[in-house]
Amino acid sequence: MKLFNLALILILNYSFASEKINPMESNEKTKISSFNKVLMKYEKLHQSFFENDLSKIKESSKILLSNIEAIKDDKISKTLNYTKKKLEEIIASEDLEKNQEAMNIVSQGILVVLEKQFPNKNYARYYCPMVNKYWIQYLSKSEKVMNPYASKSMPHCGEKK
């Protein structure tokens, strides 16, 4: 009986030990998950700009800003510091043209993190040479270019970079 109990304890200990998650892995997964949420919220902002809906732009900016602030990583936070300032400008502004300029900076800040720290094959950099601006687009949602800066005049102008 003692042998059986000992064997059971060893099996259970081995089982639980093999399921333990390395704290570094867990932290990295949390950062990736948080950044993926940022990308999803960015997608809503992109759509709001494509629709030229100022109230949606402001609301999407608030949500994106709170998701960026929720990322607990000094390097990402520092990288996105200027991005956060530009989102605050969008929230405070009623000028669509100024907001588009700020959106370009927001996009580029998030692109730095996307391309250098947390690559995600579902998102890609897009560029429109006519307006000289960048954005991020979710690839699976639409194969068609959705230019958030010229959606009325040239909605599909731009290319994947």
N, C-alpha and C. Protein backbone atom coordinates (compact mmCIF):
# COMPACT_ATOMS: atom_id res chain seq x y z
N MET A 1 0.82 -1.18 0.00
CA MET A 1 0.00 0.00 0.00
C MET A 1 0.87 1.26 0.00
N LYS A 2 1.97 1.24 0.82
CA LYS A 2 2.86 2.38 0.86
C LYS A 2 3.49 2.60 -0.51
N LEU A 3 3.85 1.52 -1.17
CA LEU A 3 4.45 1.61 -2.49
C LEU A 3 3.47 2.22 -3.49
N PHE A 4 2.21 1.80 -3.39
CA PHE A 4 1.17 2.33 -4.26
C PHE A 4 1.00 3.84 -4.04
N ASN A 5 0.93 4.26 -2.77
CA ASN A 5 0.79 5.69 -2.44
C ASN A 5 1.98 6.49 -2.94
N LEU A 6 3.17 5.94 -2.77
CA LEU A 6 4.37 6.61 -3.24
C LEU A 6 4.35 6.76 -4.77
N ALA A 7 3.96 5.69 -5.44
CA ALA A 7 3.87 5.73 -6.90
C ALA A 7 2.84 6.77 -7.34
N LEU A 8 1.71 6.83 -6.68
CA LEU A 8 0.65 7.79 -7.01
C LEU A 8 1.15 9.22 -6.79
N ILE A 9 1.85 9.46 -5.69
CA ILE A 9 2.39 10.79 -5.41
C ILE A 9 3.39 11.19 -6.48
N LEU A 10 4.27 10.28 -6.87
CA LEU A 10 5.26 10.58 -7.91
C LEU A 10 4.59 10.89 -9.24
N ILE A 11 3.58 10.11 -9.58
CA ILE A 11 2.87 10.33 -10.84
C ILE A 11 2.18 11.69 -10.82
N LEU A 12 1.51 12.01 -9.74
CA LEU A 12 0.82 13.30 -9.64
C LEU A 12 1.80 14.46 -9.66
N ASN A 13 2.90 14.33 -8.94
CA ASN A 13 3.91 15.39 -8.94
C ASN A 13 4.49 15.59 -10.34
N TYR A 14 4.77 14.51 -11.03
CA TYR A 14 5.30 14.61 -12.38
C TYR A 14 4.28 15.28 -13.30
N SER A 15 3.04 14.86 -13.17
CA SER A 15 1.97 15.41 -13.98
C SER A 15 1.83 16.91 -13.79
N PHE A 16 1.80 17.36 -12.54
CA PHE A 16 1.66 18.79 -12.26
C PHE A 16 2.92 19.55 -12.64
N ALA A 17 4.06 18.96 -12.43
CA ALA A 17 5.33 19.63 -12.75
C ALA A 17 5.45 19.85 -14.25
N SER A 18 4.99 18.90 -15.04
CA SER A 18 5.12 19.04 -16.49
C SER A 18 4.14 20.07 -17.04
N GLU A 19 3.10 20.39 -16.27
CA GLU A 19 2.13 21.37 -16.73
C GLU A 19 2.46 22.79 -16.26
N LYS A 20 3.47 22.93 -15.42
CA LYS A 20 3.82 24.26 -14.94
C LYS A 20 4.27 25.11 -16.12
N ILE A 21 3.86 26.36 -16.06
CA ILE A 21 4.21 27.28 -17.13
C ILE A 21 5.37 28.14 -16.66
N ASN A 22 6.34 28.25 -17.51
CA ASN A 22 7.47 29.12 -17.25
C ASN A 22 6.95 30.55 -17.13
N PRO A 23 7.27 31.26 -16.04
CA PRO A 23 6.76 32.62 -15.87
C PRO A 23 7.13 33.56 -17.02
N MET A 24 8.30 33.35 -17.60
CA MET A 24 8.71 34.17 -18.74
C MET A 24 7.82 33.91 -19.94
N GLU A 25 7.50 32.63 -20.19
CA GLU A 25 6.61 32.28 -21.29
C GLU A 25 5.24 32.88 -21.07
N SER A 26 4.74 32.78 -19.86
CA SER A 26 3.42 33.31 -19.52
C SER A 26 3.38 34.82 -19.73
N ASN A 27 4.42 35.52 -19.29
CA ASN A 27 4.50 36.96 -19.45
C ASN A 27 4.52 37.35 -20.93
N GLU A 28 5.28 36.62 -21.72
CA GLU A 28 5.36 36.89 -23.16
C GLU A 28 4.01 36.65 -23.83
N LYS A 29 3.34 35.57 -23.44
CA LYS A 29 2.01 35.28 -23.99
C LYS A 29 1.02 36.37 -23.63
N THR A 30 1.13 36.90 -22.42
CA THR A 30 0.25 37.98 -21.98
C THR A 30 0.49 39.23 -22.82
N LYS A 31 1.76 39.54 -23.09
CA LYS A 31 2.09 40.71 -23.91
C LYS A 31 1.55 40.54 -25.33
N ILE A 32 1.72 39.35 -25.89
CA ILE A 32 1.23 39.08 -27.24
C ILE A 32 -0.29 39.21 -27.28
N SER A 33 -0.94 38.64 -26.29
CA SER A 33 -2.40 38.72 -26.21
C SER A 33 -2.85 40.18 -26.10
N SER A 34 -2.18 40.96 -25.27
CA SER A 34 -2.52 42.37 -25.10
C SER A 34 -2.30 43.14 -26.40
N PHE A 35 -1.20 42.84 -27.09
CA PHE A 35 -0.93 43.55 -28.34
C PHE A 35 -1.93 43.13 -29.42
N ASN A 36 -2.34 41.87 -29.43
CA ASN A 36 -3.36 41.44 -30.40
C ASN A 36 -4.68 42.17 -30.16
N LYS A 37 -4.99 42.46 -28.91
CA LYS A 37 -6.19 43.26 -28.61
C LYS A 37 -6.04 44.67 -29.17
N VAL A 38 -4.83 45.22 -29.06
CA VAL A 38 -4.56 46.54 -29.63
C VAL A 38 -4.81 46.51 -31.14
N LEU A 39 -4.33 45.46 -31.81
CA LEU A 39 -4.54 45.35 -33.25
C LEU A 39 -6.03 45.28 -33.59
N MET A 40 -6.79 44.54 -32.81
CA MET A 40 -8.23 44.44 -33.07
C MET A 40 -8.92 45.79 -32.87
N LYS A 41 -8.49 46.54 -31.86
CA LYS A 41 -9.08 47.87 -31.62
C LYS A 41 -8.62 48.86 -32.68
N TYR A 42 -7.39 48.71 -33.14
CA TYR A 42 -6.89 49.54 -34.25
C TYR A 42 -7.76 49.31 -35.48
N GLU A 43 -8.12 48.06 -35.70
CA GLU A 43 -8.95 47.71 -36.85
C GLU A 43 -10.27 48.50 -36.84
N LYS A 44 -10.86 48.66 -35.67
CA LYS A 44 -12.09 49.45 -35.54
C LYS A 44 -11.83 50.93 -35.86
N LEU A 45 -10.68 51.44 -35.42
CA LEU A 45 -10.32 52.82 -35.73
C LEU A 45 -10.12 52.98 -37.24
N HIS A 46 -9.45 52.04 -37.84
CA HIS A 46 -9.24 52.05 -39.29
C HIS A 46 -10.59 52.11 -40.01
N GLN A 47 -11.53 51.28 -39.59
CA GLN A 47 -12.85 51.25 -40.20
C GLN A 47 -13.58 52.58 -39.99
N SER A 48 -13.44 53.16 -38.82
CA SER A 48 -14.08 54.45 -38.53
C SER A 48 -13.55 55.55 -39.45
N PHE A 49 -12.24 55.54 -39.69
CA PHE A 49 -11.66 56.51 -40.62
C PHE A 49 -12.14 56.22 -42.04
N PHE A 50 -12.23 54.97 -42.41
CA PHE A 50 -12.70 54.62 -43.76
C PHE A 50 -14.13 55.13 -43.97
N GLU A 51 -14.93 55.10 -42.92
CA GLU A 51 -16.31 55.58 -42.98
C GLU A 51 -16.42 57.09 -42.78
N ASN A 52 -15.32 57.75 -42.45
CA ASN A 52 -15.31 59.20 -42.18
C ASN A 52 -16.31 59.59 -41.10
N ASP A 53 -16.44 58.77 -40.08
CA ASP A 53 -17.39 58.99 -39.00
C ASP A 53 -16.64 59.52 -37.77
N LEU A 54 -16.70 60.84 -37.57
CA LEU A 54 -15.92 61.48 -36.51
C LEU A 54 -16.27 60.95 -35.12
N SER A 55 -17.55 60.70 -34.85
CA SER A 55 -17.91 60.20 -33.52
C SER A 55 -17.35 58.79 -33.30
N LYS A 56 -17.38 57.95 -34.33
CA LYS A 56 -16.79 56.61 -34.22
C LYS A 56 -15.26 56.69 -34.10
N ILE A 57 -14.67 57.65 -34.81
CA ILE A 57 -13.22 57.84 -34.75
C ILE A 57 -12.80 58.17 -33.32
N LYS A 58 -13.52 59.08 -32.69
CA LYS A 58 -13.21 59.48 -31.32
C LYS A 58 -13.41 58.31 -30.36
N GLU A 59 -14.52 57.60 -30.49
CA GLU A 59 -14.80 56.47 -29.59
C GLU A 59 -13.77 55.36 -29.79
N SER A 60 -13.46 55.03 -31.04
CA SER A 60 -12.45 54.00 -31.33
C SER A 60 -11.08 54.40 -30.80
N SER A 61 -10.77 55.68 -30.88
CA SER A 61 -9.48 56.17 -30.37
C SER A 61 -9.39 56.00 -28.86
N LYS A 62 -10.48 56.29 -28.16
CA LYS A 62 -10.51 56.12 -26.70
C LYS A 62 -10.27 54.66 -26.32
N ILE A 63 -10.95 53.77 -27.02
CA ILE A 63 -10.83 52.34 -26.72
C ILE A 63 -9.42 51.85 -27.04
N LEU A 64 -8.89 52.26 -28.19
CA LEU A 64 -7.53 51.87 -28.57
C LEU A 64 -6.52 52.40 -27.55
N LEU A 65 -6.68 53.64 -27.14
CA LEU A 65 -5.77 54.23 -26.15
C LEU A 65 -5.79 53.43 -24.85
N SER A 66 -6.96 53.06 -24.38
CA SER A 66 -7.02 52.30 -23.12
C SER A 66 -6.40 50.91 -23.28
N ASN A 67 -6.52 50.31 -24.45
CA ASN A 67 -5.89 49.01 -24.69
C ASN A 67 -4.37 49.13 -24.77
N ILE A 68 -3.88 50.21 -25.34
CA ILE A 68 -2.43 50.42 -25.38
C ILE A 68 -1.90 50.64 -23.97
N GLU A 69 -2.61 51.44 -23.19
CA GLU A 69 -2.18 51.70 -21.82
C GLU A 69 -2.23 50.46 -20.94
N ALA A 70 -3.02 49.47 -21.32
CA ALA A 70 -3.13 48.23 -20.54
C ALA A 70 -1.93 47.30 -20.74
N ILE A 71 -1.12 47.54 -21.76
CA ILE A 71 0.06 46.71 -22.00
C ILE A 71 1.11 47.05 -20.94
N LYS A 72 1.52 46.04 -20.21
CA LYS A 72 2.48 46.24 -19.12
C LYS A 72 3.88 45.81 -19.56
N ASP A 73 4.46 46.64 -20.40
CA ASP A 73 5.82 46.38 -20.89
C ASP A 73 6.47 47.73 -21.15
N ASP A 74 7.59 47.99 -20.49
CA ASP A 74 8.24 49.29 -20.59
C ASP A 74 8.68 49.62 -22.02
N LYS A 75 9.21 48.63 -22.71
CA LYS A 75 9.72 48.87 -24.07
C LYS A 75 8.56 49.22 -25.01
N ILE A 76 7.47 48.48 -24.94
CA ILE A 76 6.31 48.76 -25.80
C ILE A 76 5.71 50.10 -25.42
N SER A 77 5.59 50.35 -24.12
CA SER A 77 5.02 51.61 -23.65
C SER A 77 5.82 52.80 -24.15
N LYS A 78 7.13 52.68 -24.09
CA LYS A 78 8.01 53.75 -24.57
C LYS A 78 7.86 53.92 -26.08
N THR A 79 7.80 52.81 -26.81
CA THR A 79 7.65 52.85 -28.26
C THR A 79 6.34 53.53 -28.66
N LEU A 80 5.29 53.27 -27.88
CA LEU A 80 3.96 53.78 -28.23
C LEU A 80 3.61 55.08 -27.49
N ASN A 81 4.56 55.70 -26.84
CA ASN A 81 4.29 56.93 -26.10
C ASN A 81 3.75 58.04 -27.01
N TYR A 82 4.40 58.26 -28.14
CA TYR A 82 3.95 59.29 -29.08
C TYR A 82 2.62 58.89 -29.73
N THR A 83 2.43 57.61 -29.92
CA THR A 83 1.17 57.08 -30.46
C THR A 83 0.02 57.46 -29.52
N LYS A 84 0.25 57.30 -28.22
CA LYS A 84 -0.78 57.64 -27.23
C LYS A 84 -1.11 59.13 -27.28
N LYS A 85 -0.10 59.98 -27.45
CA LYS A 85 -0.33 61.42 -27.55
C LYS A 85 -1.17 61.75 -28.78
N LYS A 86 -0.89 61.07 -29.87
CA LYS A 86 -1.65 61.32 -31.10
C LYS A 86 -3.10 60.84 -30.96
N LEU A 87 -3.31 59.74 -30.25
CA LEU A 87 -4.67 59.29 -30.00
C LEU A 87 -5.42 60.31 -29.15
N GLU A 88 -4.75 60.89 -28.17
CA GLU A 88 -5.37 61.93 -27.35
C GLU A 88 -5.73 63.15 -28.20
N GLU A 89 -4.88 63.48 -29.18
CA GLU A 89 -5.19 64.59 -30.09
C GLU A 89 -6.43 64.27 -30.92
N ILE A 90 -6.53 63.05 -31.40
CA ILE A 90 -7.71 62.65 -32.18
C ILE A 90 -8.97 62.77 -31.33
N ILE A 91 -8.90 62.31 -30.10
CA ILE A 91 -10.05 62.36 -29.20
C ILE A 91 -10.50 63.80 -28.97
N ALA A 92 -9.56 64.73 -28.90
CA ALA A 92 -9.87 66.13 -28.60
C ALA A 92 -10.23 66.96 -29.84
N SER A 93 -9.96 66.46 -31.02
CA SER A 93 -10.12 67.26 -32.24
C SER A 93 -11.43 66.99 -32.97
N GLU A 94 -11.91 68.04 -33.61
CA GLU A 94 -13.09 67.93 -34.47
C GLU A 94 -12.70 68.02 -35.95
N ASP A 95 -11.41 68.14 -36.21
CA ASP A 95 -10.89 68.34 -37.57
C ASP A 95 -10.47 67.00 -38.17
N LEU A 96 -11.23 66.52 -39.13
CA LEU A 96 -10.97 65.22 -39.75
C LEU A 96 -9.60 65.17 -40.42
N GLU A 97 -9.21 66.26 -41.07
CA GLU A 97 -7.91 66.28 -41.75
C GLU A 97 -6.75 66.18 -40.75
N LYS A 98 -6.83 66.89 -39.64
CA LYS A 98 -5.79 66.79 -38.60
C LYS A 98 -5.80 65.40 -37.98
N ASN A 99 -6.99 64.84 -37.83
CA ASN A 99 -7.09 63.49 -37.27
C ASN A 99 -6.45 62.46 -38.21
N GLN A 100 -6.57 62.67 -39.51
CA GLN A 100 -5.94 61.76 -40.46
C GLN A 100 -4.43 61.83 -40.35
N GLU A 101 -3.90 63.04 -40.16
CA GLU A 101 -2.45 63.18 -39.96
C GLU A 101 -2.02 62.43 -38.69
N ALA A 102 -2.81 62.58 -37.63
CA ALA A 102 -2.50 61.88 -36.38
C ALA A 102 -2.62 60.36 -36.56
N MET A 103 -3.61 59.93 -37.33
CA MET A 103 -3.82 58.50 -37.58
C MET A 103 -2.59 57.89 -38.27
N ASN A 104 -1.97 58.64 -39.16
CA ASN A 104 -0.76 58.16 -39.83
C ASN A 104 0.34 57.87 -38.79
N ILE A 105 0.49 58.76 -37.81
CA ILE A 105 1.50 58.57 -36.75
C ILE A 105 1.11 57.39 -35.85
N VAL A 106 -0.17 57.30 -35.51
CA VAL A 106 -0.66 56.17 -34.71
C VAL A 106 -0.34 54.86 -35.41
N SER A 107 -0.63 54.81 -36.71
CA SER A 107 -0.38 53.60 -37.50
C SER A 107 1.09 53.23 -37.50
N GLN A 108 1.95 54.22 -37.69
CA GLN A 108 3.38 53.94 -37.76
C GLN A 108 3.93 53.46 -36.42
N GLY A 109 3.44 54.01 -35.32
CA GLY A 109 3.87 53.55 -34.01
C GLY A 109 3.51 52.10 -33.76
N ILE A 110 2.27 51.76 -34.08
CA ILE A 110 1.82 50.38 -33.90
C ILE A 110 2.55 49.45 -34.86
N LEU A 111 2.84 49.94 -36.06
CA LEU A 111 3.59 49.13 -37.03
C LEU A 111 4.98 48.76 -36.51
N VAL A 112 5.63 49.67 -35.80
CA VAL A 112 6.96 49.38 -35.24
C VAL A 112 6.87 48.16 -34.32
N VAL A 113 5.88 48.16 -33.44
CA VAL A 113 5.72 47.04 -32.51
C VAL A 113 5.34 45.77 -33.28
N LEU A 114 4.42 45.91 -34.22
CA LEU A 114 3.96 44.76 -35.02
C LEU A 114 5.10 44.11 -35.78
N GLU A 115 5.91 44.91 -36.41
CA GLU A 115 6.96 44.36 -37.27
C GLU A 115 8.23 43.96 -36.52
N LYS A 116 8.53 44.60 -35.42
CA LYS A 116 9.79 44.32 -34.73
C LYS A 116 9.65 43.44 -33.49
N GLN A 117 8.48 43.47 -32.84
CA GLN A 117 8.37 42.74 -31.58
C GLN A 117 7.34 41.61 -31.62
N PHE A 118 6.20 41.85 -32.22
CA PHE A 118 5.13 40.85 -32.20
C PHE A 118 4.54 40.66 -33.60
N PRO A 119 5.30 40.06 -34.50
CA PRO A 119 4.78 39.84 -35.86
C PRO A 119 3.47 39.05 -35.82
N ASN A 120 2.56 39.43 -36.67
CA ASN A 120 1.26 38.76 -36.77
C ASN A 120 0.92 38.67 -38.25
N LYS A 121 0.89 37.47 -38.78
CA LYS A 121 0.70 37.28 -40.22
C LYS A 121 -0.69 37.71 -40.70
N ASN A 122 -1.60 38.00 -39.79
CA ASN A 122 -2.95 38.42 -40.16
C ASN A 122 -3.04 39.91 -40.48
N TYR A 123 -1.99 40.66 -40.16
CA TYR A 123 -1.98 42.10 -40.38
C TYR A 123 -0.79 42.49 -41.24
N ALA A 124 -0.99 43.54 -42.04
CA ALA A 124 0.10 43.99 -42.91
C ALA A 124 0.11 45.51 -43.01
N ARG A 125 1.28 46.03 -43.35
CA ARG A 125 1.48 47.46 -43.60
C ARG A 125 0.95 47.79 -45.00
N TYR A 126 0.21 48.88 -45.08
CA TYR A 126 -0.27 49.39 -46.37
C TYR A 126 0.19 50.83 -46.51
N TYR A 127 0.33 51.26 -47.76
CA TYR A 127 0.80 52.61 -48.04
C TYR A 127 0.07 53.15 -49.25
N CYS A 128 -0.31 54.42 -49.16
CA CYS A 128 -0.91 55.10 -50.31
C CYS A 128 0.04 56.22 -50.74
N PRO A 129 0.63 56.12 -51.94
CA PRO A 129 1.55 57.15 -52.39
C PRO A 129 0.86 58.48 -52.71
N MET A 130 -0.43 58.43 -52.98
CA MET A 130 -1.16 59.66 -53.31
C MET A 130 -1.32 60.57 -52.08
N VAL A 131 -1.46 60.00 -50.92
CA VAL A 131 -1.60 60.80 -49.69
C VAL A 131 -0.35 60.68 -48.82
N ASN A 132 0.56 59.79 -49.20
CA ASN A 132 1.82 59.57 -48.49
C ASN A 132 1.59 59.19 -47.02
N LYS A 133 0.73 58.19 -46.82
CA LYS A 133 0.41 57.75 -45.47
C LYS A 133 0.36 56.23 -45.39
N TYR A 134 0.58 55.74 -44.16
CA TYR A 134 0.57 54.30 -43.87
C TYR A 134 -0.63 53.93 -43.01
N TRP A 135 -0.99 52.66 -43.06
CA TRP A 135 -1.98 52.10 -42.16
C TRP A 135 -1.78 50.60 -42.07
N ILE A 136 -2.48 49.99 -41.13
CA ILE A 136 -2.43 48.54 -40.93
C ILE A 136 -3.78 47.99 -41.35
N GLN A 137 -3.74 46.88 -42.05
CA GLN A 137 -4.99 46.28 -42.48
C GLN A 137 -5.01 44.80 -42.13
N TYR A 138 -6.16 44.36 -41.66
CA TYR A 138 -6.39 42.95 -41.33
C TYR A 138 -6.60 42.21 -42.64
N LEU A 139 -5.74 41.27 -42.95
CA LEU A 139 -5.74 40.62 -44.26
C LEU A 139 -6.94 39.73 -44.52
N SER A 140 -7.38 38.99 -43.52
CA SER A 140 -8.47 38.04 -43.72
C SER A 140 -9.82 38.72 -43.90
N LYS A 141 -9.95 39.92 -43.38
CA LYS A 141 -11.24 40.62 -43.43
C LYS A 141 -11.55 41.09 -44.85
N SER A 142 -10.54 41.61 -45.51
CA SER A 142 -10.76 42.13 -46.85
C SER A 142 -9.49 42.02 -47.67
N GLU A 143 -9.62 41.48 -48.85
CA GLU A 143 -8.47 41.43 -49.75
C GLU A 143 -8.32 42.76 -50.48
N LYS A 144 -9.39 43.54 -50.47
CA LYS A 144 -9.40 44.83 -51.14
C LYS A 144 -8.75 45.88 -50.24
N VAL A 145 -7.95 46.74 -50.83
CA VAL A 145 -7.33 47.83 -50.10
C VAL A 145 -8.44 48.76 -49.60
N MET A 146 -8.36 49.14 -48.32
CA MET A 146 -9.35 50.03 -47.73
C MET A 146 -8.60 51.24 -47.16
N ASN A 147 -8.42 52.26 -47.99
CA ASN A 147 -7.64 53.43 -47.65
C ASN A 147 -8.41 54.32 -46.66
N PRO A 148 -7.96 54.43 -45.42
CA PRO A 148 -8.68 55.22 -44.42
C PRO A 148 -8.51 56.73 -44.59
N TYR A 149 -7.61 57.16 -45.46
CA TYR A 149 -7.32 58.57 -45.63
C TYR A 149 -8.03 59.19 -46.84
N ALA A 150 -8.42 58.37 -47.78
CA ALA A 150 -9.05 58.88 -49.00
C ALA A 150 -10.23 58.00 -49.40
N SER A 151 -11.03 57.64 -48.43
CA SER A 151 -12.11 56.68 -48.69
C SER A 151 -13.19 57.23 -49.62
N LYS A 152 -13.35 58.54 -49.68
CA LYS A 152 -14.35 59.11 -50.59
C LYS A 152 -13.83 59.24 -52.01
N SER A 153 -12.60 59.72 -52.14
CA SER A 153 -12.05 59.98 -53.48
C SER A 153 -11.31 58.78 -54.08
N MET A 154 -10.58 58.02 -53.27
CA MET A 154 -9.80 56.89 -53.75
C MET A 154 -9.82 55.78 -52.71
N PRO A 155 -10.97 55.17 -52.49
CA PRO A 155 -11.09 54.23 -51.37
C PRO A 155 -10.17 53.01 -51.46
N HIS A 156 -9.75 52.64 -52.66
CA HIS A 156 -8.96 51.43 -52.80
C HIS A 156 -7.55 51.73 -53.33
N CYS A 157 -7.12 52.97 -53.14
CA CYS A 157 -5.77 53.36 -53.55
C CYS A 157 -4.80 52.98 -52.44
N GLY A 158 -3.75 52.31 -52.81
CA GLY A 158 -2.72 51.91 -51.86
C GLY A 158 -2.26 50.51 -52.16
N GLU A 159 -1.23 50.11 -51.46
CA GLU A 159 -0.68 48.77 -51.68
C GLU A 159 -0.08 48.20 -50.41
N LYS A 160 -0.05 46.90 -50.36
CA LYS A 160 0.57 46.20 -49.25
C LYS A 160 2.07 46.36 -49.39
N LYS A 161 2.73 46.69 -48.30
CA LYS A 161 4.19 46.90 -48.34
C LYS A 161 4.89 45.75 -47.71
